């Protein structure tokens, strides 16, 4: 066995979507009725699951008695300083720009950064009650 995960952790995506539908029904409504759903329903569902999981994880990390907190902290514990140093998302902007300048990796990182900022702004506007305790840095 390479990886052993409890069933509750495997079902996190489904659980997160149900939680997000109750906490912020506007997210589910957006993905069910928007152009995204009509053009690419599977992709819209995947994005909805991803956003729901991000919101759910943020909430669970704040709860002292969360069922998932142990698993989330275990994942987080793998991001040591050494591991983070190998991952450009955690590099300071000056280092990232120096080492990646001229490569498609820098362009991809910048596009991803813009997407995350756009998603956070949309969620802050759509679900202010859910996102009010979480900064953009938390969301990243």
N, C-alpha and C. Protein backbone atom coordinates (compact mmCIF):
# COMPACT_ATOMS: atom_id res chain seq x y z
N UNK A 1 0.85 -1.18 0.00
CA UNK A 1 0.00 0.00 0.00
C UNK A 1 0.89 1.24 0.00
N UNK A 2 0.70 2.09 -0.98
CA UNK A 2 1.47 3.33 -1.04
C UNK A 2 0.90 4.39 -0.13
N UNK A 3 -0.42 4.53 -0.13
CA UNK A 3 -1.08 5.56 0.66
C UNK A 3 -2.29 4.95 1.33
N UNK A 4 -2.49 5.27 2.58
CA UNK A 4 -3.66 4.79 3.30
C UNK A 4 -4.45 5.99 3.77
N UNK A 5 -5.67 6.11 3.29
CA UNK A 5 -6.53 7.23 3.67
C UNK A 5 -7.83 6.69 4.25
N UNK A 6 -8.30 7.31 5.32
CA UNK A 6 -9.60 6.89 5.84
C UNK A 6 -10.71 7.28 4.87
N UNK A 7 -11.79 6.52 4.89
CA UNK A 7 -12.91 6.78 3.99
C UNK A 7 -13.43 8.20 4.17
N UNK A 8 -13.44 8.71 5.40
CA UNK A 8 -13.96 10.07 5.62
C UNK A 8 -13.12 11.10 4.89
N UNK A 9 -11.82 10.87 4.78
CA UNK A 9 -10.97 11.82 4.05
C UNK A 9 -11.21 11.71 2.55
N UNK A 10 -11.44 10.50 2.07
CA UNK A 10 -11.71 10.30 0.64
C UNK A 10 -13.01 11.00 0.24
N UNK A 11 -13.98 10.98 1.12
CA UNK A 11 -15.28 11.58 0.84
C UNK A 11 -15.30 13.09 1.10
N UNK A 12 -14.15 13.68 1.38
CA UNK A 12 -14.09 15.10 1.72
C UNK A 12 -14.70 15.98 0.63
N UNK A 13 -14.44 15.67 -0.63
CA UNK A 13 -14.98 16.50 -1.71
C UNK A 13 -16.50 16.55 -1.69
N UNK A 14 -17.13 15.39 -1.57
CA UNK A 14 -18.59 15.33 -1.52
C UNK A 14 -19.12 16.04 -0.27
N UNK A 15 -18.47 15.80 0.84
CA UNK A 15 -18.86 16.45 2.09
C UNK A 15 -18.72 17.97 1.98
N UNK A 16 -17.62 18.41 1.38
CA UNK A 16 -17.37 19.85 1.23
C UNK A 16 -18.43 20.52 0.36
N UNK A 17 -18.84 19.85 -0.70
CA UNK A 17 -19.86 20.43 -1.58
C UNK A 17 -21.18 20.56 -0.83
N UNK A 18 -21.56 19.52 -0.09
CA UNK A 18 -22.82 19.61 0.69
C UNK A 18 -22.73 20.73 1.72
N UNK A 19 -21.57 20.85 2.38
CA UNK A 19 -21.38 21.91 3.37
C UNK A 19 -21.48 23.28 2.70
N UNK A 20 -20.79 23.45 1.57
CA UNK A 20 -20.78 24.74 0.87
C UNK A 20 -22.17 25.11 0.36
N UNK A 21 -22.95 24.12 -0.06
CA UNK A 21 -24.31 24.40 -0.54
C UNK A 21 -25.17 24.96 0.58
N UNK A 22 -24.93 24.50 1.81
CA UNK A 22 -25.67 25.04 2.96
C UNK A 22 -25.10 26.39 3.40
N UNK A 23 -23.77 26.49 3.44
CA UNK A 23 -23.11 27.70 3.94
C UNK A 23 -23.23 28.87 2.97
N UNK A 24 -23.20 28.56 1.69
CA UNK A 24 -23.26 29.62 0.67
C UNK A 24 -23.94 29.07 -0.59
N UNK A 25 -25.27 29.04 -0.60
CA UNK A 25 -25.98 28.46 -1.74
C UNK A 25 -25.71 29.17 -3.07
N UNK A 26 -25.20 30.40 -2.99
CA UNK A 26 -24.91 31.15 -4.22
C UNK A 26 -23.84 30.46 -5.07
N UNK A 27 -22.89 29.76 -4.43
CA UNK A 27 -21.85 29.06 -5.18
C UNK A 27 -22.46 27.96 -6.02
N UNK A 28 -23.29 27.13 -5.41
CA UNK A 28 -23.94 26.04 -6.15
C UNK A 28 -24.84 26.59 -7.25
N UNK A 29 -25.57 27.66 -6.96
CA UNK A 29 -26.46 28.26 -7.95
C UNK A 29 -25.67 28.79 -9.14
N UNK A 30 -24.53 29.41 -8.85
CA UNK A 30 -23.69 29.94 -9.92
C UNK A 30 -23.23 28.84 -10.87
N UNK A 31 -22.75 27.74 -10.30
CA UNK A 31 -22.24 26.66 -11.15
C UNK A 31 -23.34 25.87 -11.83
N UNK A 32 -24.52 25.84 -11.28
CA UNK A 32 -25.63 25.11 -11.88
C UNK A 32 -26.27 25.87 -13.02
N UNK A 33 -26.24 27.19 -12.97
CA UNK A 33 -26.98 27.97 -13.96
C UNK A 33 -26.11 28.80 -14.88
N UNK A 34 -24.84 28.87 -14.61
CA UNK A 34 -23.98 29.75 -15.40
C UNK A 34 -23.59 29.19 -16.74
N UNK A 35 -22.91 30.01 -17.52
CA UNK A 35 -22.42 29.59 -18.83
C UNK A 35 -21.45 28.43 -18.71
N UNK A 36 -20.70 28.40 -17.59
CA UNK A 36 -19.74 27.32 -17.37
C UNK A 36 -20.42 25.97 -17.39
N UNK A 37 -21.58 25.89 -16.74
CA UNK A 37 -22.30 24.62 -16.67
C UNK A 37 -22.82 24.20 -18.04
N UNK A 38 -23.26 25.16 -18.82
CA UNK A 38 -23.80 24.85 -20.15
C UNK A 38 -22.69 24.43 -21.11
N UNK A 39 -21.55 25.12 -21.05
CA UNK A 39 -20.47 24.84 -21.99
C UNK A 39 -19.69 23.58 -21.63
N UNK A 40 -19.42 23.39 -20.36
CA UNK A 40 -18.61 22.25 -19.91
C UNK A 40 -19.09 21.82 -18.53
N UNK A 41 -20.19 21.06 -18.48
CA UNK A 41 -20.76 20.71 -17.18
C UNK A 41 -19.81 19.96 -16.25
N UNK A 42 -19.00 19.06 -16.77
CA UNK A 42 -18.07 18.30 -15.92
C UNK A 42 -17.01 19.23 -15.33
N UNK A 43 -16.48 20.12 -16.15
CA UNK A 43 -15.47 21.06 -15.66
C UNK A 43 -16.07 22.01 -14.62
N UNK A 44 -17.30 22.47 -14.84
CA UNK A 44 -17.97 23.35 -13.87
C UNK A 44 -18.14 22.63 -12.55
N UNK A 45 -18.49 21.35 -12.59
CA UNK A 45 -18.66 20.57 -11.36
C UNK A 45 -17.33 20.41 -10.64
N UNK A 46 -16.25 20.16 -11.40
CA UNK A 46 -14.93 20.01 -10.79
C UNK A 46 -14.49 21.31 -10.12
N UNK A 47 -14.74 22.44 -10.76
CA UNK A 47 -14.38 23.74 -10.17
C UNK A 47 -15.22 23.99 -8.92
N UNK A 48 -16.50 23.65 -8.97
CA UNK A 48 -17.36 23.81 -7.81
C UNK A 48 -16.84 22.97 -6.64
N UNK A 49 -16.43 21.73 -6.91
CA UNK A 49 -15.89 20.86 -5.86
C UNK A 49 -14.61 21.47 -5.30
N UNK A 50 -13.74 21.96 -6.16
CA UNK A 50 -12.48 22.54 -5.71
C UNK A 50 -12.70 23.76 -4.83
N UNK A 51 -13.57 24.67 -5.27
CA UNK A 51 -13.86 25.86 -4.47
C UNK A 51 -14.54 25.47 -3.16
N UNK A 52 -15.45 24.53 -3.21
CA UNK A 52 -16.11 24.06 -1.99
C UNK A 52 -15.10 23.47 -1.02
N UNK A 53 -14.17 22.69 -1.53
CA UNK A 53 -13.15 22.10 -0.66
C UNK A 53 -12.26 23.16 -0.05
N UNK A 54 -11.90 24.17 -0.81
CA UNK A 54 -11.06 25.23 -0.25
C UNK A 54 -11.78 25.96 0.87
N UNK A 55 -13.05 26.28 0.67
CA UNK A 55 -13.82 26.94 1.71
C UNK A 55 -13.97 26.04 2.93
N UNK A 56 -14.25 24.78 2.69
CA UNK A 56 -14.44 23.83 3.78
C UNK A 56 -13.15 23.67 4.59
N UNK A 57 -12.03 23.54 3.91
CA UNK A 57 -10.74 23.38 4.59
C UNK A 57 -10.44 24.61 5.44
N UNK A 58 -10.67 25.79 4.90
CA UNK A 58 -10.46 27.01 5.69
C UNK A 58 -11.30 26.98 6.96
N UNK A 59 -12.56 26.59 6.85
CA UNK A 59 -13.43 26.53 8.02
C UNK A 59 -12.96 25.47 9.01
N UNK A 60 -12.60 24.29 8.49
CA UNK A 60 -12.20 23.19 9.37
C UNK A 60 -10.92 23.51 10.13
N UNK A 61 -10.00 24.21 9.51
CA UNK A 61 -8.75 24.56 10.19
C UNK A 61 -9.00 25.49 11.37
N UNK A 62 -10.09 26.24 11.36
CA UNK A 62 -10.41 27.17 12.44
C UNK A 62 -11.17 26.49 13.58
N UNK A 63 -11.73 25.32 13.32
CA UNK A 63 -12.53 24.63 14.34
C UNK A 63 -11.62 23.80 15.26
N UNK A 64 -11.67 24.04 16.56
CA UNK A 64 -10.80 23.28 17.46
C UNK A 64 -11.09 21.78 17.48
N UNK A 65 -12.33 21.38 17.26
CA UNK A 65 -12.69 19.96 17.36
C UNK A 65 -13.08 19.37 16.00
N UNK A 66 -12.48 19.84 14.94
CA UNK A 66 -12.80 19.36 13.60
C UNK A 66 -12.39 17.89 13.43
N UNK A 67 -13.28 17.14 12.80
CA UNK A 67 -13.00 15.73 12.48
C UNK A 67 -11.83 15.63 11.49
N UNK A 68 -11.68 16.60 10.61
CA UNK A 68 -10.68 16.56 9.54
C UNK A 68 -9.38 17.26 9.91
N UNK A 69 -9.35 17.97 11.03
CA UNK A 69 -8.19 18.79 11.36
C UNK A 69 -6.89 17.98 11.40
N UNK A 70 -6.93 16.80 11.98
CA UNK A 70 -5.74 15.95 12.06
C UNK A 70 -5.18 15.66 10.67
N UNK A 71 -6.05 15.31 9.73
CA UNK A 71 -5.60 14.99 8.37
C UNK A 71 -5.05 16.23 7.67
N UNK A 72 -5.71 17.35 7.87
CA UNK A 72 -5.26 18.59 7.24
C UNK A 72 -3.92 19.04 7.80
N UNK A 73 -3.73 18.90 9.10
CA UNK A 73 -2.46 19.26 9.71
C UNK A 73 -1.36 18.31 9.26
N UNK A 74 -1.70 17.04 9.04
CA UNK A 74 -0.72 16.07 8.57
C UNK A 74 -0.22 16.45 7.18
N UNK A 75 -1.13 16.84 6.31
CA UNK A 75 -0.72 17.30 4.97
C UNK A 75 0.16 18.54 5.09
N UNK A 76 -0.26 19.47 5.93
CA UNK A 76 0.49 20.70 6.10
C UNK A 76 1.88 20.45 6.67
N UNK A 77 2.03 19.42 7.50
CA UNK A 77 3.32 19.14 8.12
C UNK A 77 4.38 18.71 7.10
N UNK A 78 3.96 18.28 5.93
CA UNK A 78 4.91 17.88 4.89
C UNK A 78 5.55 19.08 4.21
N UNK A 79 4.99 20.27 4.41
CA UNK A 79 5.54 21.47 3.80
C UNK A 79 6.58 22.09 4.71
N UNK A 80 7.70 21.39 4.85
CA UNK A 80 8.82 21.92 5.63
C UNK A 80 9.47 23.05 4.84
N UNK A 81 10.39 23.75 5.45
CA UNK A 81 11.12 24.82 4.76
C UNK A 81 11.83 24.27 3.54
N UNK A 82 12.41 23.08 3.69
CA UNK A 82 13.13 22.46 2.58
C UNK A 82 12.18 22.12 1.43
N UNK A 83 11.02 21.55 1.74
CA UNK A 83 10.04 21.20 0.70
C UNK A 83 9.51 22.47 0.03
N UNK A 84 9.23 23.48 0.81
CA UNK A 84 8.72 24.75 0.26
C UNK A 84 9.74 25.40 -0.66
N UNK A 85 11.00 25.26 -0.34
CA UNK A 85 12.06 25.87 -1.15
C UNK A 85 12.12 25.27 -2.55
N UNK A 86 11.61 24.05 -2.71
CA UNK A 86 11.61 23.40 -4.03
C UNK A 86 10.36 23.72 -4.83
N UNK A 87 9.44 24.46 -4.26
CA UNK A 87 8.15 24.70 -4.88
C UNK A 87 7.99 26.20 -5.17
N UNK A 88 8.03 26.62 -6.43
CA UNK A 88 8.03 28.03 -6.78
C UNK A 88 6.88 28.86 -6.20
N UNK A 89 5.75 28.24 -5.90
CA UNK A 89 4.64 29.01 -5.34
C UNK A 89 5.01 29.65 -4.00
N UNK A 90 5.97 29.06 -3.29
CA UNK A 90 6.37 29.57 -1.99
C UNK A 90 7.62 30.44 -2.04
N UNK A 91 8.19 30.62 -3.21
CA UNK A 91 9.38 31.46 -3.32
C UNK A 91 9.01 32.93 -3.19
N UNK A 92 9.91 33.74 -2.66
CA UNK A 92 9.68 35.19 -2.70
C UNK A 92 9.61 35.65 -4.16
N UNK A 93 8.84 36.68 -4.43
CA UNK A 93 8.64 37.16 -5.81
C UNK A 93 9.96 37.44 -6.51
N UNK A 94 10.92 38.06 -5.83
CA UNK A 94 12.19 38.41 -6.48
C UNK A 94 12.94 37.16 -6.93
N UNK A 95 12.96 36.11 -6.10
CA UNK A 95 13.64 34.87 -6.48
C UNK A 95 12.92 34.18 -7.62
N UNK A 96 11.61 34.13 -7.54
CA UNK A 96 10.80 33.49 -8.59
C UNK A 96 11.04 34.18 -9.93
N UNK A 97 11.01 35.50 -9.93
CA UNK A 97 11.21 36.24 -11.18
C UNK A 97 12.62 36.07 -11.72
N UNK A 98 13.61 36.03 -10.84
CA UNK A 98 15.00 35.85 -11.27
C UNK A 98 15.22 34.47 -11.88
N UNK A 99 14.75 33.44 -11.20
CA UNK A 99 15.02 32.08 -11.65
C UNK A 99 14.12 31.60 -12.78
N UNK A 100 12.92 32.16 -12.87
CA UNK A 100 11.97 31.67 -13.87
C UNK A 100 11.77 32.62 -15.05
N UNK A 101 12.40 33.79 -15.02
CA UNK A 101 12.22 34.78 -16.09
C UNK A 101 12.49 34.15 -17.45
N UNK A 102 11.59 34.42 -18.38
CA UNK A 102 11.73 33.91 -19.74
C UNK A 102 11.16 32.52 -19.94
N UNK A 103 10.73 31.88 -18.88
CA UNK A 103 10.19 30.53 -19.02
C UNK A 103 8.66 30.57 -18.98
N UNK A 104 8.07 29.52 -19.49
CA UNK A 104 6.61 29.43 -19.43
C UNK A 104 6.14 29.18 -18.00
N UNK A 105 7.03 28.70 -17.14
CA UNK A 105 6.65 28.45 -15.74
C UNK A 105 6.27 29.75 -15.04
N UNK A 106 7.00 30.83 -15.30
CA UNK A 106 6.67 32.11 -14.67
C UNK A 106 5.32 32.61 -15.18
N UNK A 107 5.08 32.49 -16.47
CA UNK A 107 3.78 32.90 -17.02
C UNK A 107 2.65 32.07 -16.43
N UNK A 108 2.86 30.77 -16.28
CA UNK A 108 1.83 29.90 -15.71
C UNK A 108 1.58 30.26 -14.25
N UNK A 109 2.64 30.54 -13.49
CA UNK A 109 2.49 30.93 -12.10
C UNK A 109 1.70 32.23 -12.00
N UNK A 110 2.06 33.22 -12.83
CA UNK A 110 1.36 34.51 -12.80
C UNK A 110 -0.11 34.34 -13.15
N UNK A 111 -0.42 33.50 -14.13
CA UNK A 111 -1.83 33.25 -14.50
C UNK A 111 -2.56 32.58 -13.34
N UNK A 112 -1.93 31.62 -12.70
CA UNK A 112 -2.56 30.94 -11.56
C UNK A 112 -2.79 31.91 -10.42
N UNK A 113 -1.82 32.77 -10.16
CA UNK A 113 -1.95 33.77 -9.10
C UNK A 113 -3.14 34.70 -9.37
N UNK A 114 -3.27 35.14 -10.62
CA UNK A 114 -4.42 36.00 -10.98
C UNK A 114 -5.73 35.26 -10.79
N UNK A 115 -5.77 33.98 -11.17
CA UNK A 115 -6.99 33.19 -11.02
C UNK A 115 -7.38 33.04 -9.55
N UNK A 116 -6.40 32.79 -8.69
CA UNK A 116 -6.68 32.64 -7.26
C UNK A 116 -7.21 33.96 -6.69
N UNK A 117 -6.58 35.07 -7.07
CA UNK A 117 -7.03 36.38 -6.59
C UNK A 117 -8.43 36.70 -7.08
N UNK A 118 -8.71 36.36 -8.33
CA UNK A 118 -10.05 36.58 -8.89
C UNK A 118 -11.09 35.72 -8.17
N UNK A 119 -10.77 34.44 -7.94
CA UNK A 119 -11.69 33.55 -7.24
C UNK A 119 -11.96 34.03 -5.82
N UNK A 120 -10.92 34.48 -5.13
CA UNK A 120 -11.09 34.97 -3.76
C UNK A 120 -11.98 36.21 -3.75
N UNK A 121 -11.75 37.13 -4.67
CA UNK A 121 -12.57 38.35 -4.75
C UNK A 121 -14.03 37.99 -5.03
N UNK A 122 -14.25 37.04 -5.95
CA UNK A 122 -15.61 36.62 -6.27
C UNK A 122 -16.28 35.99 -5.05
N UNK A 123 -15.54 35.11 -4.35
CA UNK A 123 -16.10 34.46 -3.17
C UNK A 123 -16.38 35.47 -2.05
N UNK A 124 -15.49 36.44 -1.89
CA UNK A 124 -15.69 37.46 -0.86
C UNK A 124 -16.96 38.27 -1.14
N UNK A 125 -17.24 38.49 -2.41
CA UNK A 125 -18.45 39.22 -2.80
C UNK A 125 -19.69 38.32 -2.72
N UNK A 126 -19.54 37.07 -3.14
CA UNK A 126 -20.66 36.14 -3.20
C UNK A 126 -21.03 35.57 -1.84
N UNK A 127 -20.02 35.27 -1.04
CA UNK A 127 -20.23 34.63 0.27
C UNK A 127 -19.49 35.40 1.37
N UNK A 128 -19.83 36.64 1.58
CA UNK A 128 -19.07 37.43 2.56
C UNK A 128 -19.09 36.82 3.97
N UNK A 129 -20.18 36.19 4.36
CA UNK A 129 -20.27 35.59 5.69
C UNK A 129 -19.27 34.45 5.86
N UNK A 130 -19.09 33.67 4.82
CA UNK A 130 -18.18 32.52 4.88
C UNK A 130 -16.72 32.98 4.81
N UNK A 131 -16.45 33.97 3.98
CA UNK A 131 -15.06 34.35 3.73
C UNK A 131 -14.57 35.49 4.61
N UNK A 132 -15.42 36.06 5.44
CA UNK A 132 -15.02 37.25 6.19
C UNK A 132 -13.84 37.02 7.14
N UNK A 133 -13.63 35.81 7.60
CA UNK A 133 -12.53 35.53 8.52
C UNK A 133 -11.27 35.02 7.82
N UNK A 134 -11.28 34.98 6.49
CA UNK A 134 -10.17 34.40 5.77
C UNK A 134 -9.59 35.39 4.75
N UNK A 135 -8.32 35.69 4.92
CA UNK A 135 -7.65 36.61 4.02
C UNK A 135 -7.29 35.92 2.72
N UNK A 136 -6.83 36.70 1.77
CA UNK A 136 -6.34 36.15 0.51
C UNK A 136 -5.18 35.20 0.78
N UNK A 137 -4.31 35.54 1.71
CA UNK A 137 -3.19 34.64 2.04
C UNK A 137 -3.69 33.31 2.61
N UNK A 138 -4.72 33.34 3.43
CA UNK A 138 -5.32 32.09 3.94
C UNK A 138 -5.81 31.25 2.77
N UNK A 139 -6.48 31.90 1.85
CA UNK A 139 -7.08 31.21 0.71
C UNK A 139 -6.01 30.59 -0.19
N UNK A 140 -4.90 31.29 -0.34
CA UNK A 140 -3.81 30.76 -1.17
C UNK A 140 -3.26 29.50 -0.54
